Amino acid sequence: MSKAIALDTGAILLFVAIGGRSHGQSNSVSALLEIAAPFLIALCIAWLISRAWEQPTAIRTALLIWPITMVIGIGLRRFAFERGIATGFIIVSTAILGLLFVGWRGLHNLVSAQFGRTDDLSADL
């Protein structure tokens, strides 16, 4: 489980880092975490709601945590963190995080099937 949640967390941080860079924002860790915070909190909630630890690498899990993370993350960003939520940001973040959440799982499952492995990334790092 810890590897899977680390990959989901990394997906959010990657999205924020790339987005911040493309908008000329600071590359500092504090700036990165400030922007990522609502989505990281939402990811934790999504993992709890979906019980993602039961099947952390399943595509179905990604399809559950993705919309939960987005809805709660956007809500937190707007109301708790008092940040903007432009329509373009919602569209891009939804698409990119969906691609990343589903993408790493799809790649993992493809490689595992190719090599006959059943490793579900449940082991600790």
C-alpha atoms as a PDB file:
ATOM      1  CA  MET A   1       0.000   0.000   0.000  1.00  0.00           C
ATOM      2  CA  SER A   2       2.694   2.494   0.894  1.00  0.00           C
ATOM      3  CA  LYS A   3       4.206   2.382  -2.599  1.00  0.00           C
ATOM      4  CA  ALA A   4       0.810   2.895  -4.207  1.00  0.00           C
ATOM      5  CA  ILE A   5      -0.115   5.893  -2.073  1.00  0.00           C
ATOM      6  CA  ALA A   6       3.386   7.262  -2.640  1.00  0.00           C
ATOM      7  CA  LEU A   7       2.805   7.028  -6.408  1.00  0.00           C
ATOM      8  CA  ASP A   8      -0.568   8.778  -6.099  1.00  0.00           C
ATOM      9  CA  THR A   9       1.032  11.471  -3.950  1.00  0.00           C
ATOM     10  CA  GLY A  10       3.829  11.771  -6.483  1.00  0.00           C
ATOM     11  CA  ALA A  11       1.259  12.175  -9.248  1.00  0.00           C
ATOM     12  CA  ILE A  12      -0.248  15.170  -7.470  1.00  0.00           C
ATOM     13  CA  LEU A  13       3.162  16.692  -6.743  1.00  0.00           C
ATOM     14  CA  LEU A  14       4.267  16.160 -10.351  1.00  0.00           C
ATOM     15  CA  PHE A  15       1.103  17.813 -11.657  1.00  0.00           C
ATOM     16  CA  VAL A  16       1.564  20.797  -9.332  1.00  0.00           C
ATOM     17  CA  ALA A  17       5.276  21.140 -10.125  1.00  0.00           C
ATOM     18  CA  ILE A  18       4.698  21.085 -13.886  1.00  0.00           C
ATOM     19  CA  GLY A  19       1.748  23.453 -13.600  1.00  0.00           C
ATOM     20  CA  GLY A  20       3.659  25.846 -11.398  1.00  0.00           C
ATOM     21  CA  ARG A  21       6.620  25.829 -13.727  1.00  0.00           C
ATOM     22  CA  SER A  22       4.468  26.490 -16.794  1.00  0.00           C
ATOM     23  CA  HIS A  23       2.896  29.464 -14.988  1.00  0.00           C
ATOM     24  CA  GLY A  24       6.220  30.855 -13.789  1.00  0.00           C
ATOM     25  CA  GLN A  25       5.524  30.218 -10.111  1.00  0.00           C
ATOM     26  CA  SER A  26       8.130  29.610  -7.457  1.00  0.00           C
ATOM     27  CA  ASN A  27       9.749  26.182  -7.461  1.00  0.00           C
ATOM     28  CA  SER A  28      10.174  26.198  -3.690  1.00  0.00           C
ATOM     29  CA  VAL A  29       8.972  23.253  -1.647  1.00  0.00           C
ATOM     30  CA  SER A  30       6.663  25.498   0.378  1.00  0.00           C
ATOM     31  CA  ALA A  31       5.012  26.876  -2.780  1.00  0.00           C
ATOM     32  CA  LEU A  32       4.616  23.351  -4.163  1.00  0.00           C
ATOM     33  CA  LEU A  33       3.026  22.084  -0.946  1.00  0.00           C
ATOM     34  CA  GLU A  34       0.769  25.122  -0.628  1.00  0.00           C
ATOM     35  CA  ILE A  35      -0.736  24.453  -4.038  1.00  0.00           C
ATOM     36  CA  ALA A  36      -0.811  20.671  -3.604  1.00  0.00           C
ATOM     37  CA  ALA A  37      -2.233  20.666  -0.064  1.00  0.00           C
ATOM     38  CA  PRO A  38      -5.957  20.575  -0.906  1.00  0.00           C
ATOM     39  CA  PHE A  39      -5.415  17.712  -3.331  1.00  0.00           C
ATOM     40  CA  LEU A  40      -3.163  15.787  -0.957  1.00  0.00           C
ATOM     41  CA  ILE A  41      -5.799  16.082   1.782  1.00  0.00           C
ATOM     42  CA  ALA A  42      -8.447  15.028  -0.721  1.00  0.00           C
ATOM     43  CA  LEU A  43      -6.324  12.056  -1.787  1.00  0.00           C
ATOM     44  CA  CYS A  44      -6.178  10.816   1.813  1.00  0.00           C
ATOM     45  CA  ILE A  45      -9.946  11.121   2.088  1.00  0.00           C
ATOM     46  CA  ALA A  46     -10.391   9.374  -1.279  1.00  0.00           C
ATOM     47  CA  TRP A  47      -8.198   6.473  -0.130  1.00  0.00           C
ATOM     48  CA  LEU A  48     -10.320   6.118   3.006  1.00  0.00           C
ATOM     49  CA  ILE A  49     -13.665   6.363   1.217  1.00  0.00           C
ATOM     50  CA  SER A  50     -12.670   3.915  -1.515  1.00  0.00           C
ATOM     51  CA  ARG A  51     -10.686   1.576   0.765  1.00  0.00           C
ATOM     52  CA  ALA A  52      -7.954   1.798  -1.842  1.00  0.00           C
ATOM     53  CA  TRP A  53      -5.532  -0.238   0.255  1.00  0.00           C
ATOM     54  CA  GLU A  54      -7.582  -3.356  -0.560  1.00  0.00           C
ATOM     55  CA  GLN A  55      -6.673  -3.210  -4.268  1.00  0.00           C
ATOM     56  CA  PRO A  56      -4.171  -0.368  -4.609  1.00  0.00           C
ATOM     57  CA  THR A  57      -3.095  -1.169  -8.174  1.00  0.00           C
ATOM     58  CA  ALA A  58      -6.527  -1.889  -9.639  1.00  0.00           C
ATOM     59  CA  ILE A  59      -7.746   0.449 -12.366  1.00  0.00           C
ATOM     60  CA  ARG A  60     -11.088   0.410 -10.532  1.00  0.00           C
ATOM     61  CA  THR A  61      -9.338   1.964  -7.545  1.00  0.00           C
ATOM     62  CA  ALA A  62      -8.016   4.802  -9.713  1.00  0.00           C
ATOM     63  CA  LEU A  63     -11.487   5.341 -11.133  1.00  0.00           C
ATOM     64  CA  LEU A  64     -12.773   5.759  -7.569  1.00  0.00           C
ATOM     65  CA  ILE A  65     -10.050   7.922  -6.064  1.00  0.00           C
ATOM     66  CA  TRP A  66      -9.734  10.190  -9.088  1.00  0.00           C
ATOM     67  CA  PRO A  67     -13.178  11.884  -8.969  1.00  0.00           C
ATOM     68  CA  ILE A  68     -13.243  11.899  -5.163  1.00  0.00           C
ATOM     69  CA  THR A  69      -9.841  13.596  -5.070  1.00  0.00           C
ATOM     70  CA  MET A  70     -10.937  16.129  -7.670  1.00  0.00           C
ATOM     71  CA  VAL A  71     -14.271  17.071  -6.096  1.00  0.00           C
ATOM     72  CA  ILE A  72     -12.928  17.345  -2.564  1.00  0.00           C
ATOM     73  CA  GLY A  73      -9.648  18.930  -3.734  1.00  0.00           C
ATOM     74  CA  ILE A  74     -11.393  21.620  -5.767  1.00  0.00           C
ATOM     75  CA  GLY A  75     -13.787  22.279  -2.876  1.00  0.00           C
ATOM     76  CA  LEU A  76     -10.943  22.574  -0.387  1.00  0.00           C
ATOM     77  CA  ARG A  77      -8.945  24.752  -2.770  1.00  0.00           C
ATOM     78  CA  ARG A  78     -11.869  27.165  -3.130  1.00  0.00           C
ATOM     79  CA  PHE A  79     -13.343  27.256   0.372  1.00  0.00           C
ATOM     80  CA  ALA A  80     -10.650  26.189   2.850  1.00  0.00           C
ATOM     81  CA  PHE A  81      -7.590  27.545   1.038  1.00  0.00           C
ATOM     82  CA  GLU A  82      -9.412  30.478  -0.614  1.00  0.00           C
ATOM     83  CA  ARG A  83      -7.719  29.938  -3.976  1.00  0.00           C
ATOM     84  CA  GLY A  84      -9.156  30.340  -7.445  1.00  0.00           C
ATOM     85  CA  ILE A  85     -10.802  27.523  -9.364  1.00  0.00           C
ATOM     86  CA  ALA A  86     -10.934  28.687 -12.973  1.00  0.00           C
ATOM     87  CA  THR A  87     -12.746  26.359 -15.346  1.00  0.00           C
ATOM     88  CA  GLY A  88      -9.521  25.743 -17.266  1.00  0.00           C
ATOM     89  CA  PHE A  89      -7.761  24.680 -14.069  1.00  0.00           C
ATOM     90  CA  ILE A  90     -10.550  22.233 -13.249  1.00  0.00           C
ATOM     91  CA  ILE A  91     -10.470  20.718 -16.735  1.00  0.00           C
ATOM     92  CA  VAL A  92      -6.688  20.414 -16.910  1.00  0.00           C
ATOM     93  CA  SER A  93      -6.254  19.100 -13.368  1.00  0.00           C
ATOM     94  CA  THR A  94      -9.028  16.548 -13.843  1.00  0.00           C
ATOM     95  CA  ALA A  95      -7.508  15.285 -17.084  1.00  0.00           C
ATOM     96  CA  ILE A  96      -3.909  15.193 -15.879  1.00  0.00           C
ATOM     97  CA  LEU A  97      -4.605  13.600 -12.502  1.00  0.00           C
ATOM     98  CA  GLY A  98      -6.867  11.038 -14.142  1.00  0.00           C
ATOM     99  CA  LEU A  99      -4.140  10.193 -16.615  1.00  0.00           C
ATOM    100  CA  LEU A 100      -1.549   9.895 -13.845  1.00  0.00           C
ATOM    101  CA  PHE A 101      -3.712   7.907 -11.397  1.00  0.00           C
ATOM    102  CA  VAL A 102      -4.924   5.481 -14.063  1.00  0.00           C
ATOM    103  CA  GLY A 103      -1.671   5.577 -16.018  1.00  0.00           C
ATOM    104  CA  TRP A 104       0.751   4.301 -13.396  1.00  0.00           C
ATOM    105  CA  ARG A 105      -1.667   1.531 -12.459  1.00  0.00           C
ATOM    106  CA  GLY A 106      -2.163   0.520 -16.074  1.00  0.00           C
ATOM    107  CA  LEU A 107       1.574   0.482 -16.666  1.00  0.00           C
ATOM    108  CA  HIS A 108       2.158  -1.516 -13.475  1.00  0.00           C
ATOM    109  CA  ASN A 109      -0.502  -4.056 -14.412  1.00  0.00           C
ATOM    110  CA  LEU A 110       0.822  -4.365 -17.964  1.00  0.00           C
ATOM    111  CA  VAL A 111       4.391  -4.936 -16.794  1.00  0.00           C
ATOM    112  CA  SER A 112       3.249  -7.349 -14.070  1.00  0.00           C
ATOM    113  CA  ALA A 113       1.232  -9.365 -16.582  1.00  0.00           C
ATOM    114  CA  GLN A 114       4.099  -9.340 -19.069  1.00  0.00           C
ATOM    115  CA  PHE A 115       6.515 -10.762 -16.512  1.00  0.00           C
ATOM    116  CA  GLY A 116       4.002 -12.954 -14.687  1.00  0.00           C
ATOM    117  CA  ARG A 117       4.331 -11.024 -11.448  1.00  0.00           C
ATOM    118  CA  THR A 118       1.522 -10.520  -8.974  1.00  0.00           C
ATOM    119  CA  ASP A 119       3.235  -7.814  -6.927  1.00  0.00           C
ATOM    120  CA  ASP A 120       0.517  -5.385  -5.958  1.00  0.00           C
ATOM    121  CA  LEU A 121       2.856  -2.781  -4.481  1.00  0.00           C
ATOM    122  CA  SER A 122       1.519  -3.610  -1.045  1.00  0.00           C
ATOM    123  CA  ALA A 123       4.962  -4.108   0.436  1.00  0.00           C
ATOM    124  CA  ASP A 124       6.576  -1.254   2.260  1.00  0.00           C
ATOM    125  CA  LEU A 125       9.296   0.746   0.540  1.00  0.00           C
END
